[in-house]
């Protein structure tokens, strides 16, 4: 799927994979985040077969001009989980809204593990 909007210049469509890449890059730049992880075994296999997809650990859903993002991450040991999760939400929301020009409704952060 993709998210679409129209303006005086024409119609703009942005694919979910492009949004996922922006969200992943924003997540990896946040303090305390080690990496994003795949959602499951089926997703891991599909990512191996695709050549260019790099939105691993990020699921993007769209409804009209609203964007819903789920991110699965591994965090560093010793950091405040709540502070890192809130920082991650704000960073991803800001970067995706700035990239797309559309509203990010929710950013769900799932912490899968802790790395020393």
PDB file of N, CA and C in Angstrom:
ATOM      1  N   UNK A   1       0.826  -1.172   0.000  1.00  0.00           N
ATOM      2  CA  UNK A   1       0.000   0.000   0.000  1.00  0.00           C
ATOM      3  C   UNK A   1       0.878   1.244   0.000  1.00  0.00           C
ATOM      4  N   UNK A   2       0.248   2.356  -0.141  1.00  0.00           N
ATOM      5  CA  UNK A   2       0.960   3.619  -0.078  1.00  0.00           C
ATOM      6  C   UNK A   2       0.015   4.686   0.446  1.00  0.00           C
ATOM      7  N   UNK A   3       0.604   5.777   0.858  1.00  0.00           N
ATOM      8  CA  UNK A   3      -0.178   6.911   1.328  1.00  0.00           C
ATOM      9  C   UNK A   3      -0.153   7.961   0.220  1.00  0.00           C
ATOM     10  N   UNK A   4      -1.292   8.581  -0.026  1.00  0.00           N
ATOM     11  CA  UNK A   4      -1.405   9.517  -1.149  1.00  0.00           C
ATOM     12  C   UNK A   4      -2.024  10.830  -0.702  1.00  0.00           C
ATOM     13  N   UNK A   5      -1.653  11.866  -1.395  1.00  0.00           N
ATOM     14  CA  UNK A   5      -2.242  13.178  -1.184  1.00  0.00           C
ATOM     15  C   UNK A   5      -2.221  13.930  -2.509  1.00  0.00           C
ATOM     16  N   UNK A   6      -3.038  14.946  -2.599  1.00  0.00           N
ATOM     17  CA  UNK A   6      -3.079  15.771  -3.811  1.00  0.00           C
ATOM     18  C   UNK A   6      -2.908  17.235  -3.427  1.00  0.00           C
ATOM     19  N   UNK A   7      -2.266  17.971  -4.309  1.00  0.00           N
ATOM     20  CA  UNK A   7      -2.164  19.422  -4.146  1.00  0.00           C
ATOM     21  C   UNK A   7      -2.298  20.065  -5.515  1.00  0.00           C
ATOM     22  N   UNK A   8      -2.002  21.347  -5.620  1.00  0.00           N
ATOM     23  CA  UNK A   8      -2.183  22.053  -6.886  1.00  0.00           C
ATOM     24  C   UNK A   8      -1.242  21.546  -7.979  1.00  0.00           C
ATOM     25  N   UNK A   9      -0.155  20.903  -7.586  1.00  0.00           N
ATOM     26  CA  UNK A   9       0.826  20.412  -8.554  1.00  0.00           C
ATOM     27  C   UNK A   9       0.521  19.003  -9.057  1.00  0.00           C
ATOM     28  N   UNK A  10      -0.340  18.258  -8.343  1.00  0.00           N
ATOM     29  CA  UNK A  10      -0.686  16.910  -8.760  1.00  0.00           C
ATOM     30  C   UNK A  10      -0.826  15.969  -7.577  1.00  0.00           C
ATOM     31  N   UNK A  11      -0.762  14.682  -7.864  1.00  0.00           N
ATOM     32  CA  UNK A  11      -0.939  13.652  -6.852  1.00  0.00           C
ATOM     33  C   UNK A  11       0.424  13.141  -6.399  1.00  0.00           C
ATOM     34  N   UNK A  12       0.564  12.927  -5.086  1.00  0.00           N
ATOM     35  CA  UNK A  12       1.806  12.414  -4.522  1.00  0.00           C
ATOM     36  C   UNK A  12       1.504  11.093  -3.817  1.00  0.00           C
ATOM     37  N   UNK A  13       2.259  10.042  -4.148  1.00  0.00           N
ATOM     38  CA  UNK A  13       2.130   8.744  -3.494  1.00  0.00           C
ATOM     39  C   UNK A  13       3.476   8.341  -2.928  1.00  0.00           C
ATOM     40  N   UNK A  14       3.474   7.882  -1.673  1.00  0.00           N
ATOM     41  CA  UNK A  14       4.701   7.431  -1.019  1.00  0.00           C
ATOM     42  C   UNK A  14       4.473   6.010  -0.559  1.00  0.00           C
ATOM     43  N   UNK A  15       5.357   5.101  -0.961  1.00  0.00           N
ATOM     44  CA  UNK A  15       5.176   3.687  -0.616  1.00  0.00           C
ATOM     45  C   UNK A  15       5.482   3.438   0.857  1.00  0.00           C
ATOM     46  N   UNK A  16       4.897   2.362   1.375  1.00  0.00           N
ATOM     47  CA  UNK A  16       5.133   1.981   2.768  1.00  0.00           C
ATOM     48  C   UNK A  16       6.599   1.637   3.017  1.00  0.00           C
ATOM     49  N   UNK A  17       7.268   1.058   2.026  1.00  0.00           N
ATOM     50  CA  UNK A  17       8.678   0.695   2.221  1.00  0.00           C
ATOM     51  C   UNK A  17       9.554   1.939   2.343  1.00  0.00           C
ATOM     52  N   UNK A  18       9.223   3.009   1.634  1.00  0.00           N
ATOM     53  CA  UNK A  18       9.980   4.258   1.764  1.00  0.00           C
ATOM     54  C   UNK A  18       9.778   4.861   3.148  1.00  0.00           C
ATOM     55  N   UNK A  19       8.554   4.818   3.644  1.00  0.00           N
ATOM     56  CA  UNK A  19       8.276   5.323   4.988  1.00  0.00           C
ATOM     57  C   UNK A  19       8.992   4.470   6.033  1.00  0.00           C
ATOM     58  N   UNK A  20       9.012   3.148   5.819  1.00  0.00           N
ATOM     59  CA  UNK A  20       9.688   2.245   6.758  1.00  0.00           C
ATOM     60  C   UNK A  20      11.187   2.525   6.821  1.00  0.00           C
ATOM     61  N   UNK A  21      11.797   2.837   5.689  1.00  0.00           N
ATOM     62  CA  UNK A  21      13.229   3.149   5.676  1.00  0.00           C
ATOM     63  C   UNK A  21      13.526   4.420   6.461  1.00  0.00           C
ATOM     64  N   UNK A  22      12.688   5.432   6.300  1.00  0.00           N
ATOM     65  CA  UNK A  22      12.870   6.687   7.034  1.00  0.00           C
ATOM     66  C   UNK A  22      12.689   6.443   8.533  1.00  0.00           C
ATOM     67  N   UNK A  23      11.681   5.665   8.890  1.00  0.00           N
ATOM     68  CA  UNK A  23      11.427   5.367  10.304  1.00  0.00           C
ATOM     69  C   UNK A  23      12.581   4.568  10.907  1.00  0.00           C
ATOM     70  N   UNK A  24      13.118   3.614  10.160  1.00  0.00           N
ATOM     71  CA  UNK A  24      14.235   2.819  10.672  1.00  0.00           C
ATOM     72  C   UNK A  24      15.469   3.692  10.871  1.00  0.00           C
ATOM     73  N   UNK A  25      15.783   4.548   9.929  1.00  0.00           N
ATOM     74  CA  UNK A  25      16.943   5.429  10.066  1.00  0.00           C
ATOM     75  C   UNK A  25      16.782   6.372  11.256  1.00  0.00           C
ATOM     76  N   UNK A  26      15.579   6.885  11.465  1.00  0.00           N
ATOM     77  CA  UNK A  26      15.326   7.759  12.612  1.00  0.00           C
ATOM     78  C   UNK A  26      15.493   6.986  13.918  1.00  0.00           C
ATOM     79  N   UNK A  27      15.054   5.737  13.924  1.00  0.00           N
ATOM     80  CA  UNK A  27      15.169   4.918  15.132  1.00  0.00           C
ATOM     81  C   UNK A  27      16.626   4.618  15.464  1.00  0.00           C
ATOM     82  N   UNK A  28      17.410   4.297  14.450  1.00  0.00           N
ATOM     83  CA  UNK A  28      18.810   3.939  14.696  1.00  0.00           C
ATOM     84  C   UNK A  28      19.648   5.132  15.152  1.00  0.00           C
ATOM     85  N   UNK A  29      19.195   6.347  14.887  1.00  0.00           N
ATOM     86  CA  UNK A  29      19.918   7.534  15.326  1.00  0.00           C
ATOM     87  C   UNK A  29      19.588   7.915  16.768  1.00  0.00           C
ATOM     88  N   UNK A  30      18.587   7.299  17.362  1.00  0.00           N
ATOM     89  CA  UNK A  30      18.204   7.610  18.744  1.00  0.00           C
ATOM     90  C   UNK A  30      19.181   6.972  19.720  1.00  0.00           C
ATOM     91  N   UNK A  31      19.486   7.709  20.796  1.00  0.00           N
ATOM     92  CA  UNK A  31      20.370   7.187  21.838  1.00  0.00           C
ATOM     93  C   UNK A  31      19.705   6.000  22.527  1.00  0.00           C
ATOM     94  N   UNK A  32      20.470   4.944  22.709  1.00  0.00           N
ATOM     95  CA  UNK A  32      19.977   3.767  23.417  1.00  0.00           C
ATOM     96  C   UNK A  32      19.467   2.663  22.514  1.00  0.00           C
ATOM     97  N   UNK A  33      19.277   2.933  21.241  1.00  0.00           N
ATOM     98  CA  UNK A  33      18.788   1.916  20.310  1.00  0.00           C
ATOM     99  C   UNK A  33      19.984   1.222  19.667  1.00  0.00           C
ATOM    100  N   UNK A  34      20.016  -0.111  19.754  1.00  0.00           N
ATOM    101  CA  UNK A  34      21.101  -0.888  19.159  1.00  0.00           C
ATOM    102  C   UNK A  34      20.754  -1.264  17.727  1.00  0.00           C
ATOM    103  N   UNK A  35      19.551  -1.823  17.529  1.00  0.00           N
ATOM    104  CA  UNK A  35      19.156  -2.273  16.189  1.00  0.00           C
ATOM    105  C   UNK A  35      17.656  -2.509  16.161  1.00  0.00           C
ATOM    106  N   UNK A  36      17.115  -2.640  14.959  1.00  0.00           N
ATOM    107  CA  UNK A  36      15.732  -3.065  14.790  1.00  0.00           C
ATOM    108  C   UNK A  36      15.763  -4.548  14.447  1.00  0.00           C
ATOM    109  N   UNK A  37      14.697  -5.248  14.778  1.00  0.00           N
ATOM    110  CA  UNK A  37      14.659  -6.692  14.541  1.00  0.00           C
ATOM    111  C   UNK A  37      13.444  -7.053  13.711  1.00  0.00           C
ATOM    112  N   UNK A  38      13.542  -8.168  13.002  1.00  0.00           N
ATOM    113  CA  UNK A  38      12.443  -8.625  12.153  1.00  0.00           C
ATOM    114  C   UNK A  38      11.247  -9.018  12.989  1.00  0.00           C
ATOM    115  N   UNK A  39      10.094  -8.988  12.374  1.00  0.00           N
ATOM    116  CA  UNK A  39       8.851  -9.253  13.069  1.00  0.00           C
ATOM    117  C   UNK A  39       8.589 -10.737  13.270  1.00  0.00           C
ATOM    118  N   UNK A  40       9.131 -11.591  12.437  1.00  0.00           N
ATOM    119  CA  UNK A  40       8.875 -13.017  12.567  1.00  0.00           C
ATOM    120  C   UNK A  40       9.659 -13.809  11.544  1.00  0.00           C
ATOM    121  N   UNK A  41       9.512 -15.126  11.574  1.00  0.00           N
ATOM    122  CA  UNK A  41      10.256 -15.989  10.663  1.00  0.00           C
ATOM    123  C   UNK A  41       9.830 -15.759   9.217  1.00  0.00           C
ATOM    124  N   UNK A  42       8.542 -15.618   8.981  1.00  0.00           N
ATOM    125  CA  UNK A  42       8.061 -15.369   7.621  1.00  0.00           C
ATOM    126  C   UNK A  42       8.591 -14.057   7.070  1.00  0.00           C
ATOM    127  N   UNK A  43       8.664 -13.052   7.923  1.00  0.00           N
ATOM    128  CA  UNK A  43       9.203 -11.762   7.494  1.00  0.00           C
ATOM    129  C   UNK A  43      10.688 -11.858   7.196  1.00  0.00           C
ATOM    130  N   UNK A  44      11.415 -12.652   7.995  1.00  0.00           N
ATOM    131  CA  UNK A  44      12.849 -12.826   7.757  1.00  0.00           C
ATOM    132  C   UNK A  44      13.096 -13.481   6.405  1.00  0.00           C
ATOM    133  N   UNK A  45      12.298 -14.498   6.071  1.00  0.00           N
ATOM    134  CA  UNK A  45      12.451 -15.181   4.785  1.00  0.00           C
ATOM    135  C   UNK A  45      12.135 -14.243   3.623  1.00  0.00           C
ATOM    136  N   UNK A  46      11.068 -13.461   3.769  1.00  0.00           N
ATOM    137  CA  UNK A  46      10.707 -12.550   2.675  1.00  0.00           C
ATOM    138  C   UNK A  46      11.761 -11.464   2.501  1.00  0.00           C
ATOM    139  N   UNK A  47      12.396 -11.019   3.598  1.00  0.00           N
ATOM    140  CA  UNK A  47      13.447 -10.017   3.490  1.00  0.00           C
ATOM    141  C   UNK A  47      14.687 -10.580   2.816  1.00  0.00           C
ATOM    142  N   UNK A  48      14.960 -11.867   3.029  1.00  0.00           N
ATOM    143  CA  UNK A  48      16.108 -12.497   2.378  1.00  0.00           C
ATOM    144  C   UNK A  48      15.903 -12.586   0.870  1.00  0.00           C
ATOM    145  N   UNK A  49      14.664 -12.815   0.450  1.00  0.00           N
ATOM    146  CA  UNK A  49      14.377 -12.961  -0.968  1.00  0.00           C
ATOM    147  C   UNK A  49      14.324 -11.619  -1.697  1.00  0.00           C
ATOM    148  N   UNK A  50      13.950 -10.565  -0.994  1.00  0.00           N
ATOM    149  CA  UNK A  50      13.933  -9.232  -1.600  1.00  0.00           C
ATOM    150  C   UNK A  50      15.330  -8.653  -1.544  1.00  0.00           C
ATOM    151  N   UNK A  51      15.696  -7.909  -2.552  1.00  0.00           N
ATOM    152  CA  UNK A  51      17.058  -7.384  -2.620  1.00  0.00           C
ATOM    153  C   UNK A  51      17.208  -6.031  -1.941  1.00  0.00           C
ATOM    154  N   UNK A  52      16.280  -5.112  -2.125  1.00  0.00           N
ATOM    155  CA  UNK A  52      16.483  -3.730  -1.710  1.00  0.00           C
ATOM    156  C   UNK A  52      15.776  -3.317  -0.417  1.00  0.00           C
ATOM    157  N   UNK A  53      14.896  -4.105   0.138  1.00  0.00           N
ATOM    158  CA  UNK A  53      14.114  -3.684   1.297  1.00  0.00           C
ATOM    159  C   UNK A  53      14.990  -3.609   2.534  1.00  0.00           C
ATOM    160  N   UNK A  54      14.966  -2.441   3.207  1.00  0.00           N
ATOM    161  CA  UNK A  54      15.767  -2.275   4.410  1.00  0.00           C
ATOM    162  C   UNK A  54      14.924  -1.736   5.564  1.00  0.00           C
ATOM    163  N   UNK A  55      13.655  -2.009   5.573  1.00  0.00           N
ATOM    164  CA  UNK A  55      12.783  -1.561   6.646  1.00  0.00           C
ATOM    165  C   UNK A  55      12.563  -2.638   7.679  1.00  0.00           C
ATOM    166  N   UNK A  56      13.571  -3.428   7.934  1.00  0.00           N
ATOM    167  CA  UNK A  56      13.476  -4.552   8.861  1.00  0.00           C
ATOM    168  C   UNK A  56      13.077  -4.052  10.248  1.00  0.00           C
ATOM    169  N   UNK A  57      12.081  -4.705  10.829  1.00  0.00           N
ATOM    170  CA  UNK A  57      11.633  -4.341  12.160  1.00  0.00           C
ATOM    171  C   UNK A  57      10.629  -3.215  12.194  1.00  0.00           C
ATOM    172  N   UNK A  58      10.233  -2.709  11.042  1.00  0.00           N
ATOM    173  CA  UNK A  58       9.280  -1.599  10.975  1.00  0.00           C
ATOM    174  C   UNK A  58       8.084  -2.027  10.141  1.00  0.00           C
ATOM    175  N   UNK A  59       6.895  -1.848  10.703  1.00  0.00           N
ATOM    176  CA  UNK A  59       5.663  -2.146   9.969  1.00  0.00           C
ATOM    177  C   UNK A  59       4.890  -0.845   9.833  1.00  0.00           C
ATOM    178  N   UNK A  60       4.515  -0.526   8.624  1.00  0.00           N
ATOM    179  CA  UNK A  60       3.798   0.719   8.341  1.00  0.00           C
ATOM    180  C   UNK A  60       2.399   0.388   7.839  1.00  0.00           C
ATOM    181  N   UNK A  61       1.424   1.018   8.440  1.00  0.00           N
ATOM    182  CA  UNK A  61       0.046   0.891   7.991  1.00  0.00           C
ATOM    183  C   UNK A  61      -0.490   2.270   7.668  1.00  0.00           C
ATOM    184  N   UNK A  62      -1.363   2.341   6.684  1.00  0.00           N
ATOM    185  CA  UNK A  62      -1.929   3.629   6.307  1.00  0.00           C
ATOM    186  C   UNK A  62      -3.439   3.533   6.226  1.00  0.00           C
ATOM    187  N   UNK A  63      -4.084   4.632   6.541  1.00  0.00           N
ATOM    188  CA  UNK A  63      -5.530   4.738   6.411  1.00  0.00           C
ATOM    189  C   UNK A  63      -5.820   6.171   5.977  1.00  0.00           C
ATOM    190  N   UNK A  64      -6.142   6.339   4.710  1.00  0.00           N
ATOM    191  CA  UNK A  64      -6.335   7.682   4.171  1.00  0.00           C
ATOM    192  C   UNK A  64      -5.011   8.423   4.151  1.00  0.00           C
ATOM    193  N   UNK A  65      -4.950   9.543   4.857  1.00  0.00           N
ATOM    194  CA  UNK A  65      -3.690  10.276   4.933  1.00  0.00           C
ATOM    195  C   UNK A  65      -3.042  10.122   6.313  1.00  0.00           C
ATOM    196  N   UNK A  66      -3.464   9.139   7.074  1.00  0.00           N
ATOM    197  CA  UNK A  66      -2.893   8.851   8.396  1.00  0.00           C
ATOM    198  C   UNK A  66      -1.931   7.679   8.298  1.00  0.00           C
ATOM    199  N   UNK A  67      -0.865   7.750   9.086  1.00  0.00           N
ATOM    200  CA  UNK A  67       0.169   6.716   9.063  1.00  0.00           C
ATOM    201  C   UNK A  67       0.284   6.104  10.452  1.00  0.00           C
ATOM    202  N   UNK A  68       0.362   4.766  10.508  1.00  0.00           N
ATOM    203  CA  UNK A  68       0.529   4.019  11.753  1.00  0.00           C
ATOM    204  C   UNK A  68       1.818   3.222  11.652  1.00  0.00           C
ATOM    205  N   UNK A  69       2.700   3.343  12.651  1.00  0.00           N
ATOM    206  CA  UNK A  69       4.016   2.711  12.590  1.00  0.00           C
ATOM    207  C   UNK A  69       4.226   1.835  13.817  1.00  0.00           C
ATOM    208  N   UNK A  70       4.692   0.603  13.596  1.00  0.00           N
ATOM    209  CA  UNK A  70       5.118  -0.309  14.661  1.00  0.00           C
ATOM    210  C   UNK A  70       6.598  -0.588  14.464  1.00  0.00           C
ATOM    211  N   UNK A  71       7.388  -0.419  15.535  1.00  0.00           N
ATOM    212  CA  UNK A  71       8.829  -0.649  15.457  1.00  0.00           C
ATOM    213  C   UNK A  71       9.233  -1.625  16.541  1.00  0.00           C
ATOM    214  N   UNK A  72      10.033  -2.619  16.156  1.00  0.00           N
ATOM    215  CA  UNK A  72      10.593  -3.579  17.117  1.00  0.00           C
ATOM    216  C   UNK A  72      12.085  -3.338  17.202  1.00  0.00           C
ATOM    217  N   UNK A  73      12.568  -3.080  18.429  1.00  0.00           N
ATOM    218  CA  UNK A  73      13.967  -2.682  18.615  1.00  0.00           C
ATOM    219  C   UNK A  73      14.642  -3.464  19.740  1.00  0.00           C
ATOM    220  N   UNK A  74      15.970  -3.400  19.712  1.00  0.00           N
ATOM    221  CA  UNK A  74      16.815  -3.877  20.807  1.00  0.00           C
ATOM    222  C   UNK A  74      17.478  -2.633  21.393  1.00  0.00           C
ATOM    223  N   UNK A  75      17.465  -2.521  22.731  1.00  0.00           N
ATOM    224  CA  UNK A  75      18.056  -1.345  23.365  1.00  0.00           C
ATOM    225  C   UNK A  75      19.321  -1.713  24.129  1.00  0.00           C
ATOM    226  N   UNK A  76      20.106  -0.697  24.486  1.00  0.00           N
ATOM    227  CA  UNK A  76      21.317  -0.893  25.271  1.00  0.00           C
ATOM    228  C   UNK A  76      20.959  -1.173  26.716  1.00  0.00           C
ATOM    229  N   UNK A  77      21.796  -1.969  27.359  1.00  0.00           N
ATOM    230  CA  UNK A  77      21.621  -2.249  28.778  1.00  0.00           C
ATOM    231  C   UNK A  77      21.976  -1.007  29.587  1.00  0.00           C
ATOM    232  N   UNK A  78      21.173  -0.693  30.599  1.00  0.00           N
ATOM    233  CA  UNK A  78      21.486   0.400  31.499  1.00  0.00           C
ATOM    234  C   UNK A  78      20.803   1.714  31.181  1.00  0.00           C
ATOM    235  N   UNK A  79      20.086   1.797  30.078  1.00  0.00           N
ATOM    236  CA  UNK A  79      19.379   3.041  29.759  1.00  0.00           C
ATOM    237  C   UNK A  79      17.939   2.935  30.268  1.00  0.00           C
ATOM    238  N   UNK A  80      17.313   4.068  30.462  1.00  0.00           N
ATOM    239  CA  UNK A  80      15.920   4.100  30.897  1.00  0.00           C
ATOM    240  C   UNK A  80      15.026   3.689  29.720  1.00  0.00           C
ATOM    241  N   UNK A  81      14.304   2.615  29.904  1.00  0.00           N
ATOM    242  CA  UNK A  81      13.454   2.100  28.827  1.00  0.00           C
ATOM    243  C   UNK A  81      12.396   3.130  28.442  1.00  0.00           C
ATOM    244  N   UNK A  82      11.772   3.738  29.437  1.00  0.00           N
ATOM    245  CA  UNK A  82      10.720   4.718  29.165  1.00  0.00           C
ATOM    246  C   UNK A  82      11.271   5.924  28.409  1.00  0.00           C
ATOM    247  N   UNK A  83      12.421   6.428  28.842  1.00  0.00           N
ATOM    248  CA  UNK A  83      13.008   7.605  28.183  1.00  0.00           C
ATOM    249  C   UNK A  83      13.401   7.300  26.740  1.00  0.00           C
ATOM    250  N   UNK A  84      13.994   6.134  26.511  1.00  0.00           N
ATOM    251  CA  UNK A  84      14.396   5.751  25.153  1.00  0.00           C
ATOM    252  C   UNK A  84      13.166   5.563  24.269  1.00  0.00           C
ATOM    253  N   UNK A  85      12.121   4.914  24.790  1.00  0.00           N
ATOM    254  CA  UNK A  85      10.906   4.683  23.999  1.00  0.00           C
ATOM    255  C   UNK A  85      10.224   6.006  23.639  1.00  0.00           C
ATOM    256  N   UNK A  86      10.139   6.927  24.582  1.00  0.00           N
ATOM    257  CA  UNK A  86       9.515   8.228  24.296  1.00  0.00           C
ATOM    258  C   UNK A  86      10.333   9.023  23.284  1.00  0.00           C
ATOM    259  N   UNK A  87      11.662   8.996  23.436  1.00  0.00           N
ATOM    260  CA  UNK A  87      12.539   9.680  22.491  1.00  0.00           C
ATOM    261  C   UNK A  87      12.390   9.090  21.093  1.00  0.00           C
ATOM    262  N   UNK A  88      12.308   7.770  21.024  1.00  0.00           N
ATOM    263  CA  UNK A  88      12.146   7.075  19.748  1.00  0.00           C
ATOM    264  C   UNK A  88      10.823   7.459  19.081  1.00  0.00           C
ATOM    265  N   UNK A  89       9.750   7.478  19.848  1.00  0.00           N
ATOM    266  CA  UNK A  89       8.440   7.864  19.306  1.00  0.00           C
ATOM    267  C   UNK A  89       8.472   9.269  18.716  1.00  0.00           C
ATOM    268  N   UNK A  90       9.007  10.203  19.481  1.00  0.00           N
ATOM    269  CA  UNK A  90       9.053  11.592  19.027  1.00  0.00           C
ATOM    270  C   UNK A  90       9.914  11.757  17.775  1.00  0.00           C
ATOM    271  N   UNK A  91      11.072  11.102  17.770  1.00  0.00           N
ATOM    272  CA  UNK A  91      11.988  11.215  16.636  1.00  0.00           C
ATOM    273  C   UNK A  91      11.378  10.639  15.359  1.00  0.00           C
ATOM    274  N   UNK A  92      10.808   9.443  15.468  1.00  0.00           N
ATOM    275  CA  UNK A  92      10.204   8.792  14.296  1.00  0.00           C
ATOM    276  C   UNK A  92       9.013   9.598  13.797  1.00  0.00           C
ATOM    277  N   UNK A  93       8.169  10.046  14.709  1.00  0.00           N
ATOM    278  CA  UNK A  93       6.996  10.839  14.322  1.00  0.00           C
ATOM    279  C   UNK A  93       7.428  12.117  13.591  1.00  0.00           C
ATOM    280  N   UNK A  94       8.400  12.828  14.139  1.00  0.00           N
ATOM    281  CA  UNK A  94       8.862  14.072  13.527  1.00  0.00           C
ATOM    282  C   UNK A  94       9.453  13.834  12.143  1.00  0.00           C
ATOM    283  N   UNK A  95      10.349  12.838  12.037  1.00  0.00           N
ATOM    284  CA  UNK A  95      11.033  12.601  10.754  1.00  0.00           C
ATOM    285  C   UNK A  95      10.074  12.128   9.671  1.00  0.00           C
ATOM    286  N   UNK A  96       9.135  11.237  10.018  1.00  0.00           N
ATOM    287  CA  UNK A  96       8.195  10.723   9.012  1.00  0.00           C
ATOM    288  C   UNK A  96       7.208  11.811   8.603  1.00  0.00           C
ATOM    289  N   UNK A  97       6.733  12.599   9.561  1.00  0.00           N
ATOM    290  CA  UNK A  97       5.826  13.692   9.198  1.00  0.00           C
ATOM    291  C   UNK A  97       6.524  14.710   8.308  1.00  0.00           C
ATOM    292  N   UNK A  98       7.775  14.989   8.607  1.00  0.00           N
ATOM    293  CA  UNK A  98       8.528  15.943   7.787  1.00  0.00           C
ATOM    294  C   UNK A  98       8.797  15.374   6.388  1.00  0.00           C
ATOM    295  N   UNK A  99       9.064  14.064   6.306  1.00  0.00           N
ATOM    296  CA  UNK A  99       9.333  13.403   5.033  1.00  0.00           C
ATOM    297  C   UNK A  99       8.087  13.343   4.154  1.00  0.00           C
ATOM    298  N   UNK A 100       6.964  12.964   4.751  1.00  0.00           N
ATOM    299  CA  UNK A 100       5.754  12.742   3.962  1.00  0.00           C
ATOM    300  C   UNK A 100       4.844  13.958   3.869  1.00  0.00           C
ATOM    301  N   UNK A 101       4.896  14.837   4.856  1.00  0.00           N
ATOM    302  CA  UNK A 101       3.956  15.952   4.903  1.00  0.00           C
ATOM    303  C   UNK A 101       2.580  15.521   5.359  1.00  0.00           C
ATOM    304  N   UNK A 102       2.484  14.331   5.930  1.00  0.00           N
ATOM    305  CA  UNK A 102       1.206  13.799   6.392  1.00  0.00           C
ATOM    306  C   UNK A 102       1.287  13.514   7.886  1.00  0.00           C
ATOM    307  N   UNK A 103       0.172  13.169   8.483  1.00  0.00           N
ATOM    308  CA  UNK A 103       0.099  13.001   9.930  1.00  0.00           C
ATOM    309  C   UNK A 103       0.415  11.562  10.324  1.00  0.00           C
ATOM    310  N   UNK A 104       1.335  11.411  11.279  1.00  0.00           N
ATOM    311  CA  UNK A 104       1.604  10.102  11.882  1.00  0.00           C
ATOM    312  C   UNK A 104       0.688   9.998  13.087  1.00  0.00           C
ATOM    313  N   UNK A 105      -0.249   9.064  13.028  1.00  0.00           N
ATOM    314  CA  UNK A 105      -1.243   8.918  14.078  1.00  0.00           C
ATOM    315  C   UNK A 105      -0.646   8.261  15.316  1.00  0.00           C
ATOM    316  N   UNK A 106       0.010   7.108  15.138  1.00  0.00           N
ATOM    317  CA  UNK A 106       0.614   6.411  16.279  1.00  0.00           C
ATOM    318  C   UNK A 106       1.954   5.807  15.886  1.00  0.00           C
ATOM    319  N   UNK A 107       2.842   5.764  16.875  1.00  0.00           N
ATOM    320  CA  UNK A 107       4.111   5.045  16.758  1.00  0.00           C
ATOM    321  C   UNK A 107       4.165   4.101  17.940  1.00  0.00           C
ATOM    322  N   UNK A 108       4.087   2.808  17.684  1.00  0.00           N
ATOM    323  CA  UNK A 108       4.159   1.792  18.733  1.00  0.00           C
ATOM    324  C   UNK A 108       5.578   1.239  18.786  1.00  0.00           C
ATOM    325  N   UNK A 109       6.174   1.260  19.969  1.00  0.00           N
ATOM    326  CA  UNK A 109       7.530   0.758  20.157  1.00  0.00           C
ATOM    327  C   UNK A 109       7.448  -0.552  20.929  1.00  0.00           C
ATOM    328  N   UNK A 110       8.009  -1.604  20.341  1.00  0.00           N
ATOM    329  CA  UNK A 110       8.090  -2.912  20.998  1.00  0.00           C
ATOM    330  C   UNK A 110       9.553  -3.216  21.265  1.00  0.00           C
ATOM    331  N   UNK A 111       9.916  -3.330  22.534  1.00  0.00           N
ATOM    332  CA  UNK A 111      11.298  -3.620  22.897  1.00  0.00           C
ATOM    333  C   UNK A 111      11.430  -5.125  22.988  1.00  0.00           C
ATOM    334  N   UNK A 112      12.227  -5.685  22.084  1.00  0.00           N
ATOM    335  CA  UNK A 112      12.362  -7.127  21.972  1.00  0.00           C
ATOM    336  C   UNK A 112      13.461  -7.660  22.878  1.00  0.00           C
ATOM    337  N   UNK A 113      14.512  -6.879  23.075  1.00  0.00           N
ATOM    338  CA  UNK A 113      15.622  -7.364  23.900  1.00  0.00           C
ATOM    339  C   UNK A 113      16.528  -6.249  24.345  1.00  0.00           C
ATOM    340  N   UNK A 114      17.506  -6.662  25.172  1.00  0.00           N
ATOM    341  CA  UNK A 114      18.506  -5.745  25.710  1.00  0.00           C
ATOM    342  C   UNK A 114      19.874  -6.312  25.363  1.00  0.00           C
ATOM    343  N   UNK A 115      20.766  -5.449  24.930  1.00  0.00           N
ATOM    344  CA  UNK A 115      22.114  -5.894  24.566  1.00  0.00           C
ATOM    345  C   UNK A 115      23.137  -5.204  25.471  1.00  0.00           C
ATOM    346  N   UNK A 116      24.078  -5.983  25.949  1.00  0.00           N
ATOM    347  CA  UNK A 116      25.110  -5.434  26.838  1.00  0.00           C
ATOM    348  C   UNK A 116      26.119  -4.610  26.099  1.00  0.00           C
TER     349      UNK A 116
END
